[in-house]
N, C-alpha and C. Protein backbone atom coordinates (compact mmCIF):
# COMPACT_ATOMS: atom_id res chain seq x y z
N MET A 1 124.15 167.98 170.24
CA MET A 1 123.32 167.61 169.15
C MET A 1 124.24 168.14 168.18
N SER A 2 124.68 167.86 167.03
CA SER A 2 124.84 168.62 166.04
C SER A 2 123.84 169.13 164.75
N ARG A 3 124.17 169.67 163.94
CA ARG A 3 123.34 170.65 163.08
C ARG A 3 122.79 170.10 161.97
N ASN A 4 124.07 168.47 161.71
CA ASN A 4 123.55 167.85 160.94
C ASN A 4 122.20 166.83 161.48
N ASP A 5 122.27 166.70 162.60
CA ASP A 5 120.88 165.94 162.98
C ASP A 5 119.88 166.81 162.94
N ILE A 6 120.04 167.88 162.54
CA ILE A 6 118.12 168.68 162.34
C ILE A 6 117.91 168.53 160.64
N GLY A 7 116.47 168.18 160.74
CA GLY A 7 115.92 168.71 159.28
C GLY A 7 114.94 169.79 159.46
N ILE A 8 114.57 170.23 158.22
CA ILE A 8 113.81 171.64 158.05
C ILE A 8 112.92 171.59 156.70
N LEU A 9 111.54 171.56 157.06
CA LEU A 9 110.86 172.02 156.08
C LEU A 9 110.15 173.01 155.77
N PHE A 10 110.09 173.51 154.60
CA PHE A 10 109.82 174.75 154.20
C PHE A 10 108.67 174.75 153.52
N VAL A 11 107.24 175.04 153.39
CA VAL A 11 106.09 174.77 152.99
C VAL A 11 105.51 176.18 152.49
N HIS A 12 105.80 176.69 150.92
CA HIS A 12 105.25 177.34 151.15
C HIS A 12 102.97 177.36 150.83
N GLY A 13 102.63 178.82 150.25
CA GLY A 13 101.44 179.26 150.26
C GLY A 13 100.75 178.84 149.25
N ILE A 14 99.22 179.12 149.13
CA ILE A 14 98.45 178.96 148.27
C ILE A 14 98.71 179.18 146.89
N ALA A 15 98.91 179.13 145.39
CA ALA A 15 99.31 179.20 144.47
C ALA A 15 101.06 179.72 144.43
N GLY A 16 101.90 179.99 145.52
CA GLY A 16 102.97 180.29 145.74
C GLY A 16 104.33 179.71 145.90
N ASN A 17 104.95 179.60 145.58
CA ASN A 17 106.38 178.62 145.73
C ASN A 17 107.63 178.83 146.90
N ALA A 18 108.17 178.84 146.92
CA ALA A 18 109.39 178.29 148.00
C ALA A 18 110.31 179.80 147.50
N ARG A 19 110.46 180.34 146.59
CA ARG A 19 111.56 181.37 146.53
C ARG A 19 110.99 182.44 147.93
N ILE A 20 110.09 182.30 148.17
CA ILE A 20 109.49 183.21 149.37
C ILE A 20 110.66 182.83 150.87
N PHE A 21 110.93 182.19 150.60
CA PHE A 21 111.97 181.35 152.20
C PHE A 21 113.12 182.12 151.85
N GLN A 22 113.61 182.26 150.64
CA GLN A 22 115.22 182.61 149.88
C GLN A 22 116.15 183.81 151.28
N PHE A 23 115.41 184.68 151.94
CA PHE A 23 115.52 185.52 152.47
C PHE A 23 116.25 184.75 154.46
N LEU A 24 115.59 183.61 153.88
CA LEU A 24 116.33 182.94 155.10
C LEU A 24 117.71 182.14 155.38
N ASP A 25 118.00 181.71 154.17
CA ASP A 25 118.94 180.94 153.45
C ASP A 25 120.32 181.10 154.45
N ASP A 26 120.51 182.30 154.76
CA ASP A 26 122.15 182.82 155.09
C ASP A 26 122.04 182.21 156.91
N VAL A 27 120.82 181.99 157.05
CA VAL A 27 120.83 181.78 158.57
C VAL A 27 120.37 179.86 158.59
N VAL A 28 120.21 179.52 157.56
CA VAL A 28 120.05 178.07 157.75
C VAL A 28 121.77 177.26 157.49
N PRO A 29 121.78 176.05 158.64
CA PRO A 29 122.96 175.75 158.77
C PRO A 29 123.56 174.86 157.25
N ALA A 30 124.77 175.24 157.39
CA ALA A 30 125.31 174.20 156.22
C ALA A 30 125.19 172.78 156.35
N ASP A 31 124.54 172.26 157.21
CA ASP A 31 125.42 170.97 157.03
C ASP A 31 123.46 170.89 158.07
N ALA A 32 122.49 171.34 158.01
CA ALA A 32 121.23 171.03 158.08
C ALA A 32 120.37 170.33 157.25
N SER A 33 119.66 169.23 157.14
CA SER A 33 118.87 168.61 156.12
C SER A 33 117.42 169.83 155.59
N CYS A 34 117.76 170.28 155.07
CA CYS A 34 116.25 171.41 154.29
C CYS A 34 115.44 169.97 152.81
N VAL A 35 114.35 169.97 153.13
CA VAL A 35 113.00 169.72 151.97
C VAL A 35 112.38 170.84 151.58
N ARG A 36 112.81 172.38 150.64
CA ARG A 36 112.05 172.60 149.88
C ARG A 36 110.75 172.31 149.19
N LEU A 37 109.91 172.04 149.96
CA LEU A 37 108.44 171.38 149.10
C LEU A 37 107.83 172.30 147.89
N THR A 38 107.55 171.54 146.44
CA THR A 38 106.65 171.80 145.78
C THR A 38 105.32 171.45 145.94
N LEU A 39 104.41 172.39 146.27
CA LEU A 39 102.88 171.85 146.32
C LEU A 39 102.48 171.42 144.73
N GLN A 40 101.41 170.25 145.05
CA GLN A 40 101.39 169.48 143.68
C GLN A 40 100.30 170.74 143.47
N GLY A 41 100.16 170.62 141.78
CA GLY A 41 99.63 172.05 140.72
C GLY A 41 100.26 173.67 140.96
N HIS A 42 101.51 173.54 141.95
CA HIS A 42 102.39 174.53 141.93
C HIS A 42 103.71 174.49 140.73
N GLY A 43 104.03 175.39 140.24
CA GLY A 43 105.29 175.08 139.65
C GLY A 43 104.55 174.74 138.35
N GLY A 44 103.83 174.66 138.04
CA GLY A 44 103.33 174.69 136.81
C GLY A 44 101.89 175.91 136.03
N ASP A 45 101.03 175.23 135.11
CA ASP A 45 100.15 175.80 135.07
C ASP A 45 98.99 176.08 135.71
N ALA A 46 97.61 176.76 135.27
CA ALA A 46 96.34 176.53 136.14
C ALA A 46 95.92 176.03 135.94
N LEU A 47 95.51 174.95 135.01
CA LEU A 47 95.76 173.27 134.47
C LEU A 47 95.84 172.53 136.09
N GLY A 48 96.57 172.32 136.06
CA GLY A 48 97.42 171.39 137.28
C GLY A 48 97.58 171.64 138.20
N PHE A 49 96.76 172.89 138.64
CA PHE A 49 96.08 173.91 140.31
C PHE A 49 94.78 173.00 140.19
N SER A 50 94.46 173.17 139.35
CA SER A 50 92.75 172.89 139.50
C SER A 50 92.52 171.01 139.93
N ARG A 51 93.67 170.53 139.23
CA ARG A 51 93.46 169.14 139.30
C ARG A 51 94.09 168.12 140.91
N ALA A 52 94.76 169.62 141.31
CA ALA A 52 95.08 169.49 142.83
C ALA A 52 94.22 169.61 143.86
N SER A 53 94.05 169.21 145.44
CA SER A 53 93.69 169.20 146.42
C SER A 53 93.83 169.07 147.59
N MET A 54 93.75 169.83 148.42
CA MET A 54 94.31 170.38 150.18
C MET A 54 94.28 169.35 150.27
N ARG A 55 93.64 168.11 150.42
CA ARG A 55 94.10 166.38 150.23
C ARG A 55 95.71 165.80 150.31
N THR A 56 95.48 166.10 149.13
CA THR A 56 96.74 165.97 148.07
C THR A 56 97.96 166.52 149.33
N TRP A 57 97.87 167.94 149.57
CA TRP A 57 98.97 168.90 149.68
C TRP A 57 98.80 168.45 151.55
N GLU A 58 97.90 168.55 152.02
CA GLU A 58 98.54 167.59 153.35
C GLU A 58 99.02 166.20 153.33
N LYS A 59 98.98 165.57 152.28
CA LYS A 59 99.91 164.41 152.71
C LYS A 59 101.02 164.25 151.84
N GLN A 60 101.15 165.58 151.23
CA GLN A 60 102.36 166.22 151.28
C GLN A 60 103.68 166.23 151.70
N VAL A 61 102.84 167.26 152.74
CA VAL A 61 103.09 167.71 154.13
C VAL A 61 103.28 166.60 155.31
N GLU A 62 102.41 165.55 155.35
CA GLU A 62 102.62 164.55 156.31
C GLU A 62 103.60 163.61 156.20
N GLU A 63 103.91 163.30 154.93
CA GLU A 63 104.80 162.64 154.41
C GLU A 63 106.14 163.17 154.60
N ALA A 64 106.27 164.39 153.97
CA ALA A 64 107.86 164.99 154.46
C ALA A 64 108.23 165.17 155.25
N ALA A 65 107.14 165.17 156.67
CA ALA A 65 107.30 165.55 158.03
C ALA A 65 108.01 164.06 158.64
N ALA A 66 107.17 163.19 158.55
CA ALA A 66 107.41 162.06 158.69
C ALA A 66 108.64 161.52 158.41
N GLU A 67 108.79 161.95 157.21
CA GLU A 67 110.67 161.06 156.50
C GLU A 67 111.56 161.71 157.27
N LEU A 68 111.35 163.19 157.29
CA LEU A 68 112.18 163.74 158.01
C LEU A 68 112.24 163.33 159.51
N ARG A 69 111.35 163.10 160.25
CA ARG A 69 111.49 162.55 161.42
C ARG A 69 112.18 160.84 162.06
N ARG A 70 112.00 160.71 160.56
CA ARG A 70 112.62 159.22 160.28
C ARG A 70 113.98 159.12 160.43
N LYS A 71 114.76 160.27 160.40
CA LYS A 71 116.02 160.58 160.02
C LYS A 71 116.77 161.68 160.27
N TYR A 72 116.10 162.30 161.23
CA TYR A 72 116.94 163.39 161.91
C TYR A 72 115.80 163.55 163.68
N SER A 73 116.92 163.79 164.64
CA SER A 73 116.24 163.71 165.65
C SER A 73 115.10 165.04 166.11
N LYS A 74 115.56 165.91 165.50
CA LYS A 74 115.41 166.97 165.84
C LYS A 74 114.27 168.01 164.62
N VAL A 75 113.13 168.34 164.25
CA VAL A 75 112.47 168.61 162.78
C VAL A 75 111.91 169.86 163.44
N ILE A 76 112.41 170.93 162.28
CA ILE A 76 111.79 172.37 162.29
C ILE A 76 110.80 172.77 160.90
N ILE A 77 109.74 173.25 160.57
CA ILE A 77 108.96 173.47 160.10
C ILE A 77 109.09 175.14 159.92
N VAL A 78 108.93 175.35 158.79
CA VAL A 78 108.99 177.15 158.30
C VAL A 78 107.91 177.12 157.52
N GLY A 79 106.86 177.45 157.46
CA GLY A 79 105.81 177.55 156.70
C GLY A 79 105.06 179.08 156.41
N HIS A 80 104.64 179.42 155.13
CA HIS A 80 104.09 181.13 154.44
C HIS A 80 102.81 180.53 154.46
N SER A 81 102.08 181.50 155.19
CA SER A 81 100.23 181.40 154.40
C SER A 81 100.42 180.06 154.66
N MET A 82 99.22 179.47 153.35
CA MET A 82 99.20 178.34 153.73
C MET A 82 99.93 177.20 154.12
N GLY A 83 100.56 177.46 154.13
CA GLY A 83 101.82 176.15 154.27
C GLY A 83 102.03 176.51 156.48
N CYS A 84 101.37 177.92 156.45
CA CYS A 84 101.33 177.14 158.02
C CYS A 84 100.16 176.51 158.77
N LEU A 85 99.13 177.06 158.00
CA LEU A 85 98.21 175.61 158.64
C LEU A 85 98.52 174.31 158.25
N LEU A 86 98.88 173.77 157.15
CA LEU A 86 99.27 172.81 157.20
C LEU A 86 100.20 172.13 157.86
N ALA A 87 101.53 172.94 158.05
CA ALA A 87 102.17 172.48 159.53
C ALA A 87 101.36 172.26 160.35
N LEU A 88 100.71 172.82 160.40
CA LEU A 88 99.99 172.46 162.30
C LEU A 88 98.78 171.77 162.18
N GLY A 89 98.55 170.67 161.14
CA GLY A 89 97.55 170.12 161.06
C GLY A 89 98.04 168.79 162.09
N GLU A 90 97.05 168.46 162.21
CA GLU A 90 96.71 167.04 163.02
C GLU A 90 97.66 165.78 163.53
N SER A 91 98.38 165.36 161.98
CA SER A 91 98.80 164.22 161.71
C SER A 91 100.74 164.82 162.11
N VAL A 92 100.38 166.15 161.54
CA VAL A 92 101.64 166.81 161.73
C VAL A 92 102.50 167.39 162.84
N ARG A 93 101.71 168.22 163.42
CA ARG A 93 102.07 168.78 164.71
C ARG A 93 102.61 168.27 165.55
N PRO A 94 102.27 166.92 165.90
CA PRO A 94 103.07 166.32 167.44
C PRO A 94 104.35 166.03 167.19
N ASP A 95 104.92 165.93 165.95
CA ASP A 95 106.26 165.15 165.64
C ASP A 95 107.18 166.75 165.25
N ILE A 96 106.67 167.73 165.28
CA ILE A 96 107.31 168.81 164.86
C ILE A 96 108.24 169.76 166.49
N ASP A 97 109.41 169.89 166.29
CA ASP A 97 110.25 170.50 167.46
C ASP A 97 110.20 172.04 167.59
N GLY A 98 110.09 172.64 166.42
CA GLY A 98 109.93 174.05 166.24
C GLY A 98 109.22 174.51 164.94
N PHE A 99 108.58 175.49 164.80
CA PHE A 99 107.99 176.05 163.70
C PHE A 99 108.37 177.76 163.39
N LEU A 100 108.15 178.00 162.94
CA LEU A 100 108.49 179.43 162.32
C LEU A 100 107.23 179.80 160.95
N LEU A 101 106.36 180.18 161.65
CA LEU A 101 104.99 180.91 160.57
C LEU A 101 105.32 182.68 160.46
N ILE A 102 105.16 181.86 158.77
CA ILE A 102 104.34 183.49 158.22
C ILE A 102 103.25 184.12 158.05
N ASN A 103 102.74 184.52 158.32
CA ASN A 103 101.60 185.51 157.82
C ASN A 103 100.24 183.63 157.69
N PRO A 104 100.30 183.55 159.10
CA PRO A 104 99.12 182.18 159.26
C PRO A 104 97.62 182.67 158.62
N PRO A 105 97.42 181.97 157.71
CA PRO A 105 95.82 182.82 157.07
C PRO A 105 94.72 182.47 158.49
N LEU A 106 94.93 183.01 160.13
CA LEU A 106 94.05 182.35 160.61
C LEU A 106 92.11 183.32 160.72
N ARG A 107 92.99 184.51 160.57
CA ARG A 107 91.61 185.58 159.76
C ARG A 107 92.12 186.49 159.30
N LEU A 108 91.17 187.00 158.05
CA LEU A 108 91.53 187.49 156.69
C LEU A 108 90.84 188.77 156.88
N ARG A 109 91.74 189.64 155.96
CA ARG A 109 91.09 191.17 156.54
C ARG A 109 91.66 191.64 154.56
N ILE A 110 90.69 191.33 153.79
CA ILE A 110 91.25 191.88 152.05
C ILE A 110 91.41 193.19 151.92
N ARG A 111 92.58 193.76 151.33
CA ARG A 111 92.66 195.49 151.39
C ARG A 111 92.68 195.44 149.62
N THR A 112 92.26 196.58 149.35
CA THR A 112 92.58 196.64 148.26
C THR A 112 93.71 197.02 147.55
N SER A 113 94.63 196.88 148.41
CA SER A 113 96.37 196.79 147.98
C SER A 113 96.54 195.28 147.26
N MET A 114 96.10 194.18 148.14
CA MET A 114 95.87 192.89 147.04
C MET A 114 94.89 192.57 145.60
N PHE A 115 93.91 193.61 145.56
CA PHE A 115 93.43 193.76 144.12
C PHE A 115 94.41 194.58 142.76
N ARG A 116 95.09 195.75 143.56
CA ARG A 116 96.02 196.71 142.77
C ARG A 116 97.50 196.01 142.85
N ASN A 117 97.68 195.28 143.61
CA ASN A 117 99.17 193.95 143.15
C ASN A 117 99.17 193.19 141.93
N SER A 118 97.66 192.62 141.83
CA SER A 118 97.28 191.26 141.43
C SER A 118 97.15 192.47 139.49
N LEU A 119 96.16 193.50 139.73
CA LEU A 119 96.36 193.65 138.23
C LEU A 119 97.55 194.17 137.92
N LYS A 120 98.55 194.66 138.66
CA LYS A 120 99.76 195.41 138.22
C LYS A 120 101.13 194.20 137.85
N ALA A 121 100.35 192.85 138.53
CA ALA A 121 101.23 191.90 138.05
C ALA A 121 100.42 190.67 136.17
N THR A 122 99.61 190.91 136.38
CA THR A 122 98.51 190.64 135.24
C THR A 122 99.66 192.08 133.92
N PHE A 123 99.03 192.56 134.74
CA PHE A 123 99.62 193.75 132.73
C PHE A 123 101.19 194.02 132.77
N GLY A 124 101.90 193.39 134.02
CA GLY A 124 103.19 194.12 133.80
C GLY A 124 103.80 195.36 134.26
N MET A 125 103.22 196.03 135.28
CA MET A 125 102.95 196.95 135.38
C MET A 125 103.98 196.87 137.26
N THR A 126 105.25 196.52 137.09
CA THR A 126 105.09 196.58 138.57
C THR A 126 106.78 197.49 138.88
N GLU A 127 106.85 197.90 137.94
CA GLU A 127 108.62 198.61 137.73
C GLU A 127 108.29 199.81 138.67
N GLY A 128 109.65 199.30 139.57
CA GLY A 128 109.28 200.84 140.71
C GLY A 128 108.54 200.15 141.98
N ASP A 129 107.37 199.48 141.71
CA ASP A 129 106.63 199.17 143.01
C ASP A 129 106.89 197.67 143.65
N GLU A 130 108.36 197.44 144.59
CA GLU A 130 108.46 196.42 145.58
C GLU A 130 107.79 195.45 146.11
N VAL A 131 106.98 196.03 146.37
CA VAL A 131 105.56 194.95 147.14
C VAL A 131 104.88 194.69 145.92
N ALA A 132 104.21 194.78 144.55
CA ALA A 132 104.17 194.03 143.48
C ALA A 132 104.96 193.08 142.65
N LYS A 133 106.43 193.96 143.10
CA LYS A 133 107.63 192.87 142.87
C LYS A 133 107.53 191.36 143.50
N ALA A 134 106.97 192.33 144.56
CA ALA A 134 107.84 190.56 145.80
C ALA A 134 106.40 190.22 145.41
N ALA A 135 104.83 190.52 145.04
CA ALA A 135 103.93 189.67 144.89
C ALA A 135 104.58 188.30 143.22
N VAL A 136 104.48 189.05 142.91
CA VAL A 136 104.90 188.62 140.92
C VAL A 136 105.74 187.45 141.28
N ASP A 137 106.52 187.53 142.43
CA ASP A 137 107.89 187.16 142.68
C ASP A 137 107.34 185.57 143.26
N ALA A 138 106.62 185.44 144.10
CA ALA A 138 106.07 184.50 145.22
C ALA A 138 105.10 183.64 144.51
N TYR A 139 104.60 184.19 143.08
CA TYR A 139 103.39 183.45 142.46
C TYR A 139 103.61 182.20 142.10
N GLY A 140 103.20 181.02 141.66
CA GLY A 140 103.86 179.57 141.71
C GLY A 140 103.13 179.31 140.35
N ILE A 141 102.39 179.76 139.62
CA ILE A 141 101.84 179.23 138.84
C ILE A 141 101.85 180.39 137.37
N THR A 142 102.07 179.00 136.30
CA THR A 142 101.90 180.11 135.18
C THR A 142 100.70 180.80 135.07
N LEU A 143 100.96 181.88 133.91
CA LEU A 143 99.61 182.67 133.44
C LEU A 143 99.49 181.66 132.38
N ASP A 144 98.04 181.45 132.11
CA ASP A 144 97.13 180.69 130.97
C ASP A 144 96.20 180.97 130.49
N LYS A 145 96.73 181.33 129.25
CA LYS A 145 95.09 181.79 128.05
C LYS A 145 93.79 181.40 128.36
N ASN A 146 93.65 179.91 128.77
CA ASN A 146 92.76 179.09 128.65
C ASN A 146 91.69 178.93 129.82
N PRO A 147 91.11 179.76 129.77
CA PRO A 147 89.91 179.75 130.90
C PRO A 147 89.38 178.76 131.34
N PHE A 148 89.22 177.85 130.48
CA PHE A 148 88.46 176.37 131.76
C PHE A 148 89.54 175.57 132.04
N HIS A 149 91.28 176.15 132.17
CA HIS A 149 91.42 175.63 133.03
C HIS A 149 92.10 176.02 134.48
N TYR A 150 91.22 176.80 134.77
CA TYR A 150 91.07 177.57 135.41
C TYR A 150 89.36 176.59 136.49
N TYR A 151 88.74 175.95 136.08
CA TYR A 151 87.72 174.87 136.78
C TYR A 151 87.85 175.01 137.58
N GLY A 152 89.21 174.50 138.69
CA GLY A 152 88.84 173.99 139.70
C GLY A 152 89.78 174.74 140.98
N TRP A 153 89.52 176.35 140.43
CA TRP A 153 90.32 177.19 141.34
C TRP A 153 89.43 177.65 142.53
N ALA A 154 88.24 177.75 142.15
CA ALA A 154 87.57 178.00 143.26
C ALA A 154 87.11 176.87 144.20
N ALA A 155 87.18 175.56 144.45
CA ALA A 155 87.26 174.76 144.85
C ALA A 155 88.51 174.69 146.06
N ARG A 156 89.36 174.76 145.51
CA ARG A 156 90.98 175.07 145.67
C ARG A 156 90.53 175.71 146.91
N PHE A 157 90.22 177.41 146.55
CA PHE A 157 90.28 178.10 147.96
C PHE A 157 88.93 177.91 148.68
N PHE A 158 87.78 177.54 148.47
CA PHE A 158 86.92 176.99 149.07
C PHE A 158 87.54 176.37 150.58
N GLU A 159 88.13 175.02 149.59
CA GLU A 159 89.51 174.06 150.63
C GLU A 159 89.83 174.54 151.62
N LEU A 160 90.60 175.91 151.03
CA LEU A 160 91.58 176.99 151.95
C LEU A 160 90.44 177.29 153.06
N PHE A 161 89.72 178.30 152.50
CA PHE A 161 88.95 178.68 153.94
C PHE A 161 88.34 177.48 154.70
N ARG A 162 87.69 176.18 154.68
CA ARG A 162 87.78 175.16 155.39
C ARG A 162 89.07 174.71 156.57
N LYS A 163 90.15 174.74 155.89
CA LYS A 163 90.84 174.64 156.27
C LYS A 163 91.22 175.86 157.79
N MET A 164 91.17 176.80 157.00
CA MET A 164 91.66 177.74 158.28
C MET A 164 90.64 177.92 159.35
N GLY A 165 89.12 177.02 159.26
CA GLY A 165 88.28 176.97 160.36
C GLY A 165 88.51 175.74 161.09
N LYS A 166 89.68 174.76 160.25
CA LYS A 166 90.00 173.58 161.03
C LYS A 166 90.80 173.88 162.46
N THR A 167 92.12 174.87 161.59
CA THR A 167 92.96 175.08 162.18
C THR A 167 92.81 175.91 163.45
N ARG A 168 92.00 177.07 163.47
CA ARG A 168 91.58 177.63 164.84
C ARG A 168 91.36 177.16 165.33
N GLN A 169 90.11 175.67 164.99
CA GLN A 169 89.97 174.55 166.33
C GLN A 169 90.81 174.37 166.83
N ILE A 170 91.74 173.56 165.87
CA ILE A 170 92.41 172.44 166.89
C ILE A 170 93.68 173.52 167.84
N LEU A 171 93.86 174.87 167.68
CA LEU A 171 94.78 175.72 168.37
C LEU A 171 93.85 176.47 169.25
N ARG A 172 92.51 176.56 169.33
CA ARG A 172 91.69 176.56 170.57
C ARG A 172 91.59 174.95 171.28
N GLU A 173 91.95 174.35 170.80
CA GLU A 173 90.76 172.96 171.80
C GLU A 173 92.97 172.41 172.44
N LEU A 174 94.03 172.68 171.30
CA LEU A 174 94.91 171.97 172.19
C LEU A 174 96.70 173.13 171.47
N GLN A 175 97.16 173.83 172.47
CA GLN A 175 97.70 174.85 171.99
C GLN A 175 99.25 174.27 171.58
N LEU A 176 99.87 175.32 171.14
CA LEU A 176 100.87 174.44 170.26
C LEU A 176 102.56 174.24 171.81
N GLN A 177 102.49 173.66 171.85
CA GLN A 177 103.51 172.56 172.85
C GLN A 177 105.47 172.88 172.47
N SER A 178 105.58 172.61 170.87
CA SER A 178 106.70 173.06 170.43
C SER A 178 107.55 174.14 170.53
N THR A 179 108.77 174.94 170.69
CA THR A 179 108.82 175.99 170.13
C THR A 179 108.49 177.13 169.02
N ALA A 180 107.72 177.80 169.24
CA ALA A 180 107.06 178.30 167.51
C ALA A 180 107.64 179.81 168.12
N GLU A 181 107.93 180.28 166.82
CA GLU A 181 107.68 181.88 166.48
C GLU A 181 106.69 182.28 165.18
N VAL A 182 106.07 183.19 165.45
CA VAL A 182 104.90 183.77 164.73
C VAL A 182 105.20 184.82 164.21
N PHE A 183 104.60 185.23 163.24
CA PHE A 183 105.09 186.62 162.39
C PHE A 183 103.55 187.01 161.51
N LEU A 184 103.19 188.02 161.77
CA LEU A 184 102.22 188.92 161.07
C LEU A 184 102.78 189.64 160.55
N SER A 185 101.79 189.96 158.90
CA SER A 185 102.39 191.42 158.81
C SER A 185 101.51 192.57 158.72
N ALA A 186 102.06 193.92 159.49
CA ALA A 186 100.82 194.90 160.05
C ALA A 186 100.29 195.41 158.57
N HIS A 187 100.87 195.26 157.20
CA HIS A 187 100.57 195.84 156.35
C HIS A 187 100.18 194.01 155.33
N ASP A 188 99.49 193.18 156.02
CA ASP A 188 99.32 192.50 155.14
C ASP A 188 98.09 192.80 154.38
N GLU A 189 98.29 191.80 153.09
CA GLU A 189 97.16 192.35 152.27
C GLU A 189 95.73 191.48 151.92
N MET A 190 95.97 190.52 153.14
CA MET A 190 95.06 189.36 152.70
C MET A 190 94.80 188.81 154.76
N VAL A 191 95.89 188.67 155.30
CA VAL A 191 95.67 188.23 156.44
C VAL A 191 95.60 189.73 157.89
N SER A 192 94.54 188.89 158.31
CA SER A 192 94.75 189.42 159.47
C SER A 192 95.58 189.59 160.79
N THR A 193 96.17 190.84 161.63
CA THR A 193 96.78 190.60 162.56
C THR A 193 96.13 189.87 164.44
N ARG A 194 94.64 190.25 163.36
CA ARG A 194 93.89 189.00 164.51
C ARG A 194 94.01 187.76 164.40
N SER A 195 94.76 186.95 163.76
CA SER A 195 94.92 185.87 163.90
C SER A 195 96.06 185.67 165.02
N ALA A 196 96.50 186.36 165.33
CA ALA A 196 97.55 186.37 166.27
C ALA A 196 96.75 185.95 167.66
N LYS A 197 95.58 185.68 168.15
CA LYS A 197 94.94 185.37 169.48
C LYS A 197 94.72 184.07 169.41
N TYR A 198 95.04 182.91 167.98
CA TYR A 198 94.84 181.96 168.65
C TYR A 198 96.28 181.22 168.51
N PHE A 199 97.70 182.07 169.17
CA PHE A 199 98.60 181.26 169.68
C PHE A 199 98.86 181.91 170.76
N SER A 200 98.94 181.24 171.99
CA SER A 200 98.96 181.17 173.12
C SER A 200 100.22 181.53 173.54
N THR A 201 100.49 182.69 174.09
CA THR A 201 102.29 183.20 174.29
C THR A 201 102.50 182.09 175.38
N GLU A 202 102.09 182.20 176.43
CA GLU A 202 101.44 181.04 177.61
C GLU A 202 102.37 180.03 177.66
N ALA A 203 102.12 179.79 175.77
CA ALA A 203 102.81 177.69 175.54
C ALA A 203 103.66 178.36 175.26
N GLY A 204 104.81 179.38 175.36
CA GLY A 204 106.11 179.50 174.54
C GLY A 204 105.99 179.96 173.19
N CYS A 205 105.06 180.12 172.49
CA CYS A 205 105.08 180.63 171.19
C CYS A 205 105.09 182.40 171.54
N ARG A 206 106.01 182.74 170.89
CA ARG A 206 105.98 183.68 170.47
C ARG A 206 105.63 184.26 169.53
N VAL A 207 104.61 185.60 169.17
CA VAL A 207 104.29 186.21 168.21
C VAL A 207 104.61 187.79 167.98
N THR A 208 105.45 187.86 167.08
CA THR A 208 105.72 189.11 166.35
C THR A 208 104.87 189.82 165.22
N ILE A 209 104.74 191.22 165.33
CA ILE A 209 104.05 192.04 164.36
C ILE A 209 105.14 192.58 163.51
N LEU A 210 105.30 192.73 162.36
CA LEU A 210 106.31 193.17 161.43
C LEU A 210 105.55 194.35 160.83
N PRO A 211 106.49 195.09 161.72
CA PRO A 211 105.47 196.68 161.44
C PRO A 211 105.50 197.51 159.72
N SER A 212 106.44 196.85 159.62
CA SER A 212 106.19 197.58 158.12
C SER A 212 106.50 196.50 156.60
N SER A 213 106.03 195.41 156.89
CA SER A 213 105.85 194.32 156.24
C SER A 213 104.40 194.15 155.64
N GLY A 214 104.25 193.32 154.13
CA GLY A 214 102.76 192.63 153.67
C GLY A 214 102.80 191.14 153.69
N HIS A 215 102.02 190.62 152.68
CA HIS A 215 102.01 189.41 153.17
C HIS A 215 103.31 188.91 152.22
N TYR A 216 103.73 189.33 150.97
CA TYR A 216 104.49 188.64 150.54
C TYR A 216 106.53 189.46 150.40
N TYR A 217 105.92 190.93 150.57
CA TYR A 217 107.32 191.75 150.81
C TYR A 217 107.68 192.13 152.06
N TYR A 218 108.71 191.68 152.62
CA TYR A 218 109.53 191.90 153.71
C TYR A 218 110.65 193.21 153.56
N THR A 219 110.44 194.21 154.79
CA THR A 219 111.33 194.85 154.49
C THR A 219 112.87 194.68 155.02
N LEU A 220 114.14 194.83 154.84
CA LEU A 220 115.23 194.61 155.12
C LEU A 220 115.04 194.02 156.91
N PRO A 221 114.59 195.20 158.20
CA PRO A 221 114.72 195.00 159.12
C PRO A 221 113.82 193.85 159.32
N ASP A 222 112.52 193.63 158.97
CA ASP A 222 111.59 192.93 159.15
C ASP A 222 111.98 191.54 159.01
N ARG A 223 112.73 191.42 157.88
CA ARG A 223 113.80 190.17 158.04
C ARG A 223 114.36 189.74 158.63
N LYS A 224 115.44 190.40 159.23
CA LYS A 224 116.24 190.26 160.35
C LYS A 224 115.51 189.63 161.62
N LEU A 225 114.63 190.52 161.89
CA LEU A 225 113.92 189.83 162.79
C LEU A 225 113.06 188.18 162.72
N MET A 226 113.16 188.22 161.42
CA MET A 226 112.83 186.40 161.04
C MET A 226 114.05 185.55 161.22
N ARG A 227 115.03 185.98 160.09
CA ARG A 227 116.34 185.52 160.71
C ARG A 227 116.35 185.05 162.09
N ASP A 228 116.62 186.23 163.12
CA ASP A 228 116.86 185.87 164.54
C ASP A 228 116.07 184.84 165.16
N ALA A 229 114.81 184.94 164.75
CA ALA A 229 113.68 183.98 165.42
C ALA A 229 114.05 182.49 165.24
N LEU A 230 114.64 181.98 163.21
CA LEU A 230 114.76 181.47 163.15
C LEU A 230 115.85 180.72 163.69
N GLN A 231 117.03 181.57 164.10
CA GLN A 231 118.02 180.87 165.06
C GLN A 231 117.87 180.99 166.24
N ARG A 232 116.89 181.50 166.59
CA ARG A 232 116.13 181.12 168.40
C ARG A 232 115.61 180.15 168.41
N ILE A 233 114.75 179.21 167.30
CA ILE A 233 114.33 177.62 167.64
C ILE A 233 115.66 176.72 166.88
N LEU A 234 116.71 177.35 166.23
CA LEU A 234 117.82 176.49 166.12
C LEU A 234 118.42 176.13 167.66
N GLN A 235 118.04 177.21 168.43
CA GLN A 235 119.43 177.13 169.31
C GLN A 235 118.70 176.28 170.51
N GLN A 236 117.73 176.97 170.81
CA GLN A 236 116.45 176.23 172.04
C GLN A 236 116.07 174.76 171.56
N ILE A 237 115.93 174.05 170.42
CA ILE A 237 115.72 172.89 169.81
C ILE A 237 116.85 171.72 170.74
């Protein structure tokens, strides 16, 4: 099978953007077809995010995956955070040959560093702090001074929590049968490494804990681990 018969779908997380995947670009075959989604309500202001919905994001991923499946014999999804949950949706998962899942939020552990990074980003105090800089670069919504534009944010995050619960149930009932590489960061500001327990290694799923990375910031050695994983998926499918 030639590499130009492979479609790769990249799905970012909530309030994020596709730049989070740039470190994988040198591994992606030049002749593979790539779709880097921008979920509705991202890439704009707070009002656009308020007007989006989980169902809209699910539909975007479903349609993008289905389109790649129509065109290519093999399809891979690379997801970050909420993007992993969308990739594992009931109407998406059966048609996917390989998954690279980065920090899937199946269990949360909120650390004080999350609030520290948010404050540094808000007040432009990221100089010399690579972790805070990475969080700013991964943010996909422009700051908005109108507080009324944030009216729908609580609902979006409530939908995310419901999606987490639904995905846990999916993985309990039906383990992944596709080639899957899962990465969880030891220093993640939000996602607990306990999320690993929902992925069965017996079903061919490889789970790796990144020893020195966070939710958005990845050290060079940890980036190499993920690049190697994508290469393995490409070879195995």
